[in-house]
Amino acid sequence: MASFASTNLPEQWDCLNFPIYWKGERLEITVDQEQVRVSRPEFNGQALAIEVANEPRVIESTEAVFNV
């Protein structure tokens, strides 16, 4: 399971963006002081189980936003 933790970004940063490949699917992750956004540009119609801030979550669309 992909896991994204709550993070403490430096105050001068607005956000941190990075791509990863998980189980053959590209995910684009954006983390800011309050949220984690997961985009699935190659969405294949299947749900994806991940963990955000130590809580299991499921993404069933092209994008999901989680408060941390």
N, C-alpha and C. Protein backbone atom coordinates (compact mmCIF):
# COMPACT_ATOMS: atom_id res chain seq x y z
N MET A 1 0.85 -1.17 0.00
CA MET A 1 0.00 0.00 0.00
C MET A 1 0.89 1.23 0.00
N ALA A 2 0.61 2.18 -0.87
CA ALA A 2 1.33 3.46 -0.87
C ALA A 2 0.94 4.22 0.38
N SER A 3 1.91 4.89 0.99
CA SER A 3 1.65 5.60 2.23
C SER A 3 2.23 7.01 2.15
N PHE A 4 1.39 8.00 2.48
CA PHE A 4 1.82 9.39 2.49
C PHE A 4 1.49 9.96 3.85
N ALA A 5 2.51 10.41 4.54
CA ALA A 5 2.32 10.90 5.90
C ALA A 5 2.09 12.40 5.90
N SER A 6 1.52 12.85 6.96
CA SER A 6 1.42 14.29 7.18
C SER A 6 2.84 14.83 7.24
N THR A 7 3.05 16.00 6.72
CA THR A 7 4.40 16.53 6.68
C THR A 7 4.45 17.94 7.22
N ASN A 8 5.57 18.32 7.69
CA ASN A 8 5.80 19.68 8.15
C ASN A 8 6.70 20.34 7.13
N LEU A 9 6.10 21.02 6.15
CA LEU A 9 6.87 21.73 5.15
C LEU A 9 7.47 22.98 5.76
N PRO A 10 8.61 23.43 5.27
CA PRO A 10 9.13 24.72 5.74
C PRO A 10 8.09 25.82 5.50
N GLU A 11 8.00 26.77 6.39
CA GLU A 11 6.99 27.81 6.31
C GLU A 11 7.02 28.56 4.98
N GLN A 12 8.20 28.73 4.39
CA GLN A 12 8.32 29.49 3.15
C GLN A 12 7.87 28.69 1.93
N TRP A 13 7.60 27.41 2.07
CA TRP A 13 7.13 26.58 0.96
C TRP A 13 5.60 26.60 0.91
N ASP A 14 5.07 26.74 -0.30
CA ASP A 14 3.62 26.64 -0.48
C ASP A 14 3.20 25.17 -0.53
N CYS A 15 3.98 24.37 -1.26
CA CYS A 15 3.64 22.96 -1.41
C CYS A 15 4.84 22.19 -1.95
N LEU A 16 4.69 20.89 -2.00
CA LEU A 16 5.69 20.00 -2.57
C LEU A 16 4.95 19.09 -3.54
N ASN A 17 5.42 19.04 -4.79
CA ASN A 17 4.82 18.18 -5.82
C ASN A 17 5.83 17.14 -6.26
N PHE A 18 5.35 15.91 -6.46
CA PHE A 18 6.24 14.88 -6.99
C PHE A 18 5.41 13.77 -7.61
N PRO A 19 5.93 13.16 -8.68
CA PRO A 19 5.26 12.00 -9.28
C PRO A 19 5.87 10.71 -8.72
N ILE A 20 5.06 9.68 -8.65
CA ILE A 20 5.56 8.34 -8.34
C ILE A 20 4.82 7.34 -9.22
N TYR A 21 5.38 6.18 -9.37
CA TYR A 21 4.69 5.08 -10.03
C TYR A 21 4.37 4.04 -8.97
N TRP A 22 3.10 3.69 -8.85
CA TRP A 22 2.66 2.71 -7.86
C TRP A 22 1.86 1.64 -8.57
N LYS A 23 2.34 0.42 -8.50
CA LYS A 23 1.68 -0.72 -9.15
C LYS A 23 1.42 -0.45 -10.62
N GLY A 24 2.41 0.17 -11.27
CA GLY A 24 2.34 0.44 -12.70
C GLY A 24 1.53 1.66 -13.08
N GLU A 25 1.02 2.40 -12.12
CA GLU A 25 0.21 3.59 -12.39
C GLU A 25 0.93 4.84 -11.91
N ARG A 26 0.94 5.87 -12.76
CA ARG A 26 1.55 7.13 -12.37
C ARG A 26 0.59 7.88 -11.44
N LEU A 27 1.11 8.33 -10.30
CA LEU A 27 0.37 9.17 -9.37
C LEU A 27 1.12 10.49 -9.24
N GLU A 28 0.40 11.57 -9.19
CA GLU A 28 1.00 12.87 -8.95
C GLU A 28 0.55 13.34 -7.57
N ILE A 29 1.51 13.56 -6.70
CA ILE A 29 1.24 13.89 -5.30
C ILE A 29 1.56 15.36 -5.06
N THR A 30 0.64 16.06 -4.41
CA THR A 30 0.87 17.44 -3.98
C THR A 30 0.58 17.49 -2.49
N VAL A 31 1.54 17.96 -1.73
CA VAL A 31 1.42 18.07 -0.28
C VAL A 31 1.56 19.54 0.09
N ASP A 32 0.62 20.06 0.86
CA ASP A 32 0.79 21.40 1.42
C ASP A 32 0.61 21.31 2.93
N GLN A 33 0.50 22.44 3.58
CA GLN A 33 0.44 22.44 5.04
C GLN A 33 -0.82 21.77 5.59
N GLU A 34 -1.88 21.65 4.76
CA GLU A 34 -3.15 21.15 5.25
C GLU A 34 -3.70 19.93 4.52
N GLN A 35 -3.20 19.67 3.30
CA GLN A 35 -3.80 18.62 2.49
C GLN A 35 -2.77 17.80 1.73
N VAL A 36 -3.20 16.59 1.37
CA VAL A 36 -2.49 15.75 0.43
C VAL A 36 -3.44 15.51 -0.74
N ARG A 37 -3.00 15.88 -1.96
CA ARG A 37 -3.80 15.68 -3.16
C ARG A 37 -3.12 14.60 -4.00
N VAL A 38 -3.90 13.61 -4.41
CA VAL A 38 -3.40 12.52 -5.24
C VAL A 38 -4.16 12.55 -6.56
N SER A 39 -3.44 12.77 -7.65
CA SER A 39 -4.04 12.77 -8.98
C SER A 39 -3.62 11.51 -9.71
N ARG A 40 -4.55 10.98 -10.49
CA ARG A 40 -4.31 9.75 -11.26
C ARG A 40 -4.53 10.05 -12.74
N PRO A 41 -3.52 10.61 -13.42
CA PRO A 41 -3.70 11.01 -14.81
C PRO A 41 -3.99 9.84 -15.75
N GLU A 42 -3.62 8.65 -15.36
CA GLU A 42 -3.86 7.46 -16.19
C GLU A 42 -4.91 6.56 -15.53
N PHE A 43 -5.94 7.17 -14.95
CA PHE A 43 -6.97 6.44 -14.20
C PHE A 43 -7.52 5.29 -15.04
N ASN A 44 -7.51 4.10 -14.44
CA ASN A 44 -7.92 2.89 -15.16
C ASN A 44 -9.30 2.38 -14.73
N GLY A 45 -10.01 3.15 -13.92
CA GLY A 45 -11.34 2.75 -13.49
C GLY A 45 -11.36 1.91 -12.23
N GLN A 46 -10.20 1.49 -11.73
CA GLN A 46 -10.15 0.66 -10.53
C GLN A 46 -9.80 1.50 -9.30
N ALA A 47 -10.37 1.12 -8.18
CA ALA A 47 -10.06 1.78 -6.91
C ALA A 47 -8.61 1.51 -6.53
N LEU A 48 -8.01 2.48 -5.84
CA LEU A 48 -6.63 2.36 -5.40
C LEU A 48 -6.58 2.61 -3.89
N ALA A 49 -6.08 1.63 -3.14
CA ALA A 49 -5.95 1.76 -1.68
C ALA A 49 -4.61 2.41 -1.36
N ILE A 50 -4.64 3.47 -0.56
CA ILE A 50 -3.43 4.13 -0.09
C ILE A 50 -3.60 4.43 1.40
N GLU A 51 -2.56 4.99 1.98
CA GLU A 51 -2.60 5.41 3.37
C GLU A 51 -2.16 6.86 3.42
N VAL A 52 -2.94 7.71 4.06
CA VAL A 52 -2.61 9.12 4.22
C VAL A 52 -2.68 9.45 5.70
N ALA A 53 -1.59 9.98 6.23
CA ALA A 53 -1.51 10.34 7.65
C ALA A 53 -1.91 9.16 8.53
N ASN A 54 -1.42 7.99 8.19
CA ASN A 54 -1.64 6.75 8.94
C ASN A 54 -3.08 6.27 8.94
N GLU A 55 -3.88 6.72 7.97
CA GLU A 55 -5.26 6.26 7.85
C GLU A 55 -5.47 5.66 6.47
N PRO A 56 -6.09 4.48 6.39
CA PRO A 56 -6.35 3.89 5.08
C PRO A 56 -7.38 4.71 4.32
N ARG A 57 -7.12 4.91 3.04
CA ARG A 57 -8.02 5.67 2.17
C ARG A 57 -8.15 4.92 0.85
N VAL A 58 -9.21 5.21 0.11
CA VAL A 58 -9.42 4.60 -1.20
C VAL A 58 -9.71 5.72 -2.19
N ILE A 59 -9.03 5.67 -3.33
CA ILE A 59 -9.25 6.64 -4.40
C ILE A 59 -9.99 5.92 -5.51
N GLU A 60 -11.17 6.43 -5.85
CA GLU A 60 -12.00 5.79 -6.86
C GLU A 60 -12.26 6.68 -8.06
N SER A 61 -11.44 7.71 -8.24
CA SER A 61 -11.60 8.63 -9.37
C SER A 61 -10.23 9.15 -9.79
N THR A 62 -10.23 10.19 -10.62
CA THR A 62 -8.96 10.73 -11.13
C THR A 62 -8.22 11.57 -10.12
N GLU A 63 -8.90 12.01 -9.05
CA GLU A 63 -8.23 12.86 -8.07
C GLU A 63 -8.93 12.75 -6.72
N ALA A 64 -8.15 12.83 -5.66
CA ALA A 64 -8.70 12.84 -4.31
C ALA A 64 -7.87 13.80 -3.45
N VAL A 65 -8.55 14.48 -2.54
CA VAL A 65 -7.90 15.42 -1.63
C VAL A 65 -8.21 15.00 -0.21
N PHE A 66 -7.17 14.91 0.60
CA PHE A 66 -7.31 14.47 1.99
C PHE A 66 -6.76 15.55 2.92
N ASN A 67 -7.52 15.92 3.92
CA ASN A 67 -7.02 16.85 4.95
C ASN A 67 -6.14 16.07 5.91
N VAL A 68 -5.03 16.69 6.28
CA VAL A 68 -4.09 16.02 7.20
C VAL A 68 -3.88 16.85 8.44
